[in-house]
């Protein structure tokens, strides 16, 4: 399958990745991470899903996961500050936030929305101690 997003092309048949028309050499784990993100464009990918898919469920350090996410960001021309393509959701996971065209259809990422608080979230909890 050939996925096009931003100015990048990820081809899962030939295991190639290009940006701005030039082939970019990336590590296999970074390729797998990008593949997971484009296949779930607009959806949050949890750390557990990431570890299961990219590392086959093996135990890996936070530094290893962060390094691969940073390498993926560099490959697509993004960075941790802007997060214009790959967004980190603190303590939840990561998400590809740009539309992805996969040949026969386009997967549009939903707009980022702020979470609405329920009325009960504003109520004060009262605790009494005996």
C-alpha atoms as a PDB file:
ATOM      1  CA  UNK A   1       0.000   0.000   0.000  1.00  0.00           C
ATOM      2  CA  UNK A   2       1.190   3.496  -0.790  1.00  0.00           C
ATOM      3  CA  UNK A   3       0.350   6.190   1.767  1.00  0.00           C
ATOM      4  CA  UNK A   4       0.749   9.889   0.972  1.00  0.00           C
ATOM      5  CA  UNK A   5       0.658  12.509   3.713  1.00  0.00           C
ATOM      6  CA  UNK A   6       2.071  15.998   4.097  1.00  0.00           C
ATOM      7  CA  UNK A   7       4.968  15.922   1.582  1.00  0.00           C
ATOM      8  CA  UNK A   8       5.799  12.264   2.358  1.00  0.00           C
ATOM      9  CA  UNK A   9       5.178   8.885   0.708  1.00  0.00           C
ATOM     10  CA  UNK A  10       5.325   5.645   2.692  1.00  0.00           C
ATOM     11  CA  UNK A  11       5.249   2.564   0.463  1.00  0.00           C
ATOM     12  CA  UNK A  12       4.670  -0.604   2.483  1.00  0.00           C
ATOM     13  CA  UNK A  13       5.138  -2.890  -0.549  1.00  0.00           C
ATOM     14  CA  UNK A  14       8.665  -1.712  -1.307  1.00  0.00           C
ATOM     15  CA  UNK A  15       9.481  -0.669   2.289  1.00  0.00           C
ATOM     16  CA  UNK A  16      10.491   2.773   1.101  1.00  0.00           C
ATOM     17  CA  UNK A  17       9.935   6.236   2.489  1.00  0.00           C
ATOM     18  CA  UNK A  18      10.403   9.532   0.667  1.00  0.00           C
ATOM     19  CA  UNK A  19       9.933  13.185   1.511  1.00  0.00           C
ATOM     20  CA  UNK A  20       9.875  16.026  -1.008  1.00  0.00           C
ATOM     21  CA  UNK A  21      10.478  13.471  -3.764  1.00  0.00           C
ATOM     22  CA  UNK A  22      13.744  12.206  -2.264  1.00  0.00           C
ATOM     23  CA  UNK A  23      14.207   8.778  -0.689  1.00  0.00           C
ATOM     24  CA  UNK A  24      14.920   8.998   3.034  1.00  0.00           C
ATOM     25  CA  UNK A  25      16.770   6.160   4.736  1.00  0.00           C
ATOM     26  CA  UNK A  26      15.045   5.184   7.993  1.00  0.00           C
ATOM     27  CA  UNK A  27      15.501   2.342  10.456  1.00  0.00           C
ATOM     28  CA  UNK A  28      13.076  -0.605  10.237  1.00  0.00           C
ATOM     29  CA  UNK A  29      11.524   0.274  13.611  1.00  0.00           C
ATOM     30  CA  UNK A  30      10.931   3.859  12.483  1.00  0.00           C
ATOM     31  CA  UNK A  31       9.329   2.533   9.286  1.00  0.00           C
ATOM     32  CA  UNK A  32       7.063   0.258  11.369  1.00  0.00           C
ATOM     33  CA  UNK A  33       6.159   3.178  13.639  1.00  0.00           C
ATOM     34  CA  UNK A  34       5.227   5.368  10.658  1.00  0.00           C
ATOM     35  CA  UNK A  35       3.242   2.514   9.134  1.00  0.00           C
ATOM     36  CA  UNK A  36       1.286   2.103  12.380  1.00  0.00           C
ATOM     37  CA  UNK A  37       0.578   5.837  12.466  1.00  0.00           C
ATOM     38  CA  UNK A  38      -0.609   6.118   8.853  1.00  0.00           C
ATOM     39  CA  UNK A  39      -2.795   3.035   9.204  1.00  0.00           C
ATOM     40  CA  UNK A  40      -4.392   4.702  12.239  1.00  0.00           C
ATOM     41  CA  UNK A  41      -4.384   8.301  10.973  1.00  0.00           C
ATOM     42  CA  UNK A  42      -6.483  10.563  13.157  1.00  0.00           C
ATOM     43  CA  UNK A  43      -6.620   7.962  15.928  1.00  0.00           C
ATOM     44  CA  UNK A  44      -4.585   7.829  19.086  1.00  0.00           C
ATOM     45  CA  UNK A  45      -1.976   5.055  19.098  1.00  0.00           C
ATOM     46  CA  UNK A  46      -1.240   4.008  22.665  1.00  0.00           C
ATOM     47  CA  UNK A  47       2.203   3.149  23.971  1.00  0.00           C
ATOM     48  CA  UNK A  48       1.052  -0.467  24.401  1.00  0.00           C
ATOM     49  CA  UNK A  49      -0.036  -0.655  20.737  1.00  0.00           C
ATOM     50  CA  UNK A  50       3.250   0.900  19.711  1.00  0.00           C
ATOM     51  CA  UNK A  51       5.341  -1.581  21.701  1.00  0.00           C
ATOM     52  CA  UNK A  52       3.269  -4.540  20.513  1.00  0.00           C
ATOM     53  CA  UNK A  53       3.551  -3.576  16.840  1.00  0.00           C
ATOM     54  CA  UNK A  54       7.061  -2.148  16.595  1.00  0.00           C
ATOM     55  CA  UNK A  55       8.872  -4.279  19.191  1.00  0.00           C
ATOM     56  CA  UNK A  56       6.706  -7.407  19.192  1.00  0.00           C
ATOM     57  CA  UNK A  57       5.718  -6.903  22.822  1.00  0.00           C
ATOM     58  CA  UNK A  58       9.295  -6.968  24.108  1.00  0.00           C
ATOM     59  CA  UNK A  59      10.179  -4.750  27.040  1.00  0.00           C
ATOM     60  CA  UNK A  60      11.843  -1.531  25.894  1.00  0.00           C
ATOM     61  CA  UNK A  61      12.912   1.590  27.745  1.00  0.00           C
ATOM     62  CA  UNK A  62      11.164   4.956  27.550  1.00  0.00           C
ATOM     63  CA  UNK A  63      14.331   6.350  25.982  1.00  0.00           C
ATOM     64  CA  UNK A  64      14.145   3.801  23.161  1.00  0.00           C
ATOM     65  CA  UNK A  65      10.507   4.623  22.420  1.00  0.00           C
ATOM     66  CA  UNK A  66      11.236   8.371  22.536  1.00  0.00           C
ATOM     67  CA  UNK A  67      14.242   7.974  20.227  1.00  0.00           C
ATOM     68  CA  UNK A  68      12.141   6.191  17.580  1.00  0.00           C
ATOM     69  CA  UNK A  69       9.360   8.790  17.832  1.00  0.00           C
ATOM     70  CA  UNK A  70      11.932  11.574  17.414  1.00  0.00           C
ATOM     71  CA  UNK A  71      13.471   9.758  14.432  1.00  0.00           C
ATOM     72  CA  UNK A  72       9.994   9.434  12.875  1.00  0.00           C
ATOM     73  CA  UNK A  73       9.377  13.137  13.430  1.00  0.00           C
ATOM     74  CA  UNK A  74      12.719  14.016  11.823  1.00  0.00           C
ATOM     75  CA  UNK A  75      11.945  11.766   8.850  1.00  0.00           C
ATOM     76  CA  UNK A  76       8.621  13.519   8.156  1.00  0.00           C
ATOM     77  CA  UNK A  77      10.059  17.007   8.752  1.00  0.00           C
ATOM     78  CA  UNK A  78       8.397  17.569  12.115  1.00  0.00           C
ATOM     79  CA  UNK A  79       9.789  18.215  15.569  1.00  0.00           C
ATOM     80  CA  UNK A  80       8.742  17.770  19.180  1.00  0.00           C
ATOM     81  CA  UNK A  81       8.041  21.465  19.646  1.00  0.00           C
ATOM     82  CA  UNK A  82       5.719  22.089  16.682  1.00  0.00           C
ATOM     83  CA  UNK A  83       4.138  18.624  16.464  1.00  0.00           C
ATOM     84  CA  UNK A  84       2.488  19.607  13.180  1.00  0.00           C
ATOM     85  CA  UNK A  85       2.402  16.033  11.838  1.00  0.00           C
ATOM     86  CA  UNK A  86       2.970  13.676  14.780  1.00  0.00           C
ATOM     87  CA  UNK A  87       1.329  14.833  17.995  1.00  0.00           C
ATOM     88  CA  UNK A  88       2.105  13.479  21.444  1.00  0.00           C
ATOM     89  CA  UNK A  89      -0.768  13.195  23.882  1.00  0.00           C
ATOM     90  CA  UNK A  90       0.814  13.185  27.326  1.00  0.00           C
ATOM     91  CA  UNK A  91       0.564   9.829  29.131  1.00  0.00           C
ATOM     92  CA  UNK A  92      -1.759   8.539  26.388  1.00  0.00           C
ATOM     93  CA  UNK A  93       0.122   7.989  23.128  1.00  0.00           C
ATOM     94  CA  UNK A  94       0.852   9.550  19.755  1.00  0.00           C
ATOM     95  CA  UNK A  95      -1.237  10.468  16.748  1.00  0.00           C
ATOM     96  CA  UNK A  96      -0.729  11.343  13.086  1.00  0.00           C
ATOM     97  CA  UNK A  97      -2.757  14.524  12.689  1.00  0.00           C
ATOM     98  CA  UNK A  98      -2.543  15.181   8.940  1.00  0.00           C
ATOM     99  CA  UNK A  99      -4.794  13.717   6.232  1.00  0.00           C
ATOM    100  CA  UNK A 100      -3.493  10.508   4.647  1.00  0.00           C
ATOM    101  CA  UNK A 101      -4.233   9.466   1.068  1.00  0.00           C
ATOM    102  CA  UNK A 102      -3.933   5.726   0.562  1.00  0.00           C
ATOM    103  CA  UNK A 103      -4.670   5.518  -3.150  1.00  0.00           C
ATOM    104  CA  UNK A 104      -8.367   4.708  -3.248  1.00  0.00           C
ATOM    105  CA  UNK A 105      -9.415   6.824  -0.294  1.00  0.00           C
ATOM    106  CA  UNK A 106      -8.343   9.673   1.932  1.00  0.00           C
ATOM    107  CA  UNK A 107      -8.311   9.287   5.672  1.00  0.00           C
ATOM    108  CA  UNK A 108      -8.913  12.711   7.093  1.00  0.00           C
ATOM    109  CA  UNK A 109      -7.695  13.430  10.555  1.00  0.00           C
ATOM    110  CA  UNK A 110     -10.375  14.956  12.752  1.00  0.00           C
ATOM    111  CA  UNK A 111      -9.723  18.484  13.931  1.00  0.00           C
ATOM    112  CA  UNK A 112      -8.090  18.751  17.319  1.00  0.00           C
ATOM    113  CA  UNK A 113     -10.760  19.564  19.839  1.00  0.00           C
ATOM    114  CA  UNK A 114     -10.477  20.642  23.405  1.00  0.00           C
ATOM    115  CA  UNK A 115     -12.004  18.286  25.880  1.00  0.00           C
ATOM    116  CA  UNK A 116     -15.264  19.574  27.329  1.00  0.00           C
ATOM    117  CA  UNK A 117     -15.629  19.180  31.052  1.00  0.00           C
ATOM    118  CA  UNK A 118     -18.830  17.718  32.360  1.00  0.00           C
ATOM    119  CA  UNK A 119     -20.827  19.723  34.919  1.00  0.00           C
ATOM    120  CA  UNK A 120     -19.896  17.202  37.580  1.00  0.00           C
ATOM    121  CA  UNK A 121     -16.220  18.038  37.048  1.00  0.00           C
ATOM    122  CA  UNK A 122     -16.869  21.466  38.486  1.00  0.00           C
ATOM    123  CA  UNK A 123     -18.602  20.192  41.609  1.00  0.00           C
ATOM    124  CA  UNK A 124     -16.547  20.183  44.742  1.00  0.00           C
ATOM    125  CA  UNK A 125     -16.011  16.951  46.550  1.00  0.00           C
ATOM    126  CA  UNK A 126     -16.563  17.100  50.286  1.00  0.00           C
ATOM    127  CA  UNK A 127     -14.744  14.747  52.613  1.00  0.00           C
ATOM    128  CA  UNK A 128     -15.445  14.437  56.303  1.00  0.00           C
ATOM    129  CA  UNK A 129     -13.095  12.687  58.665  1.00  0.00           C
ATOM    130  CA  UNK A 130     -14.103  10.958  61.869  1.00  0.00           C
END
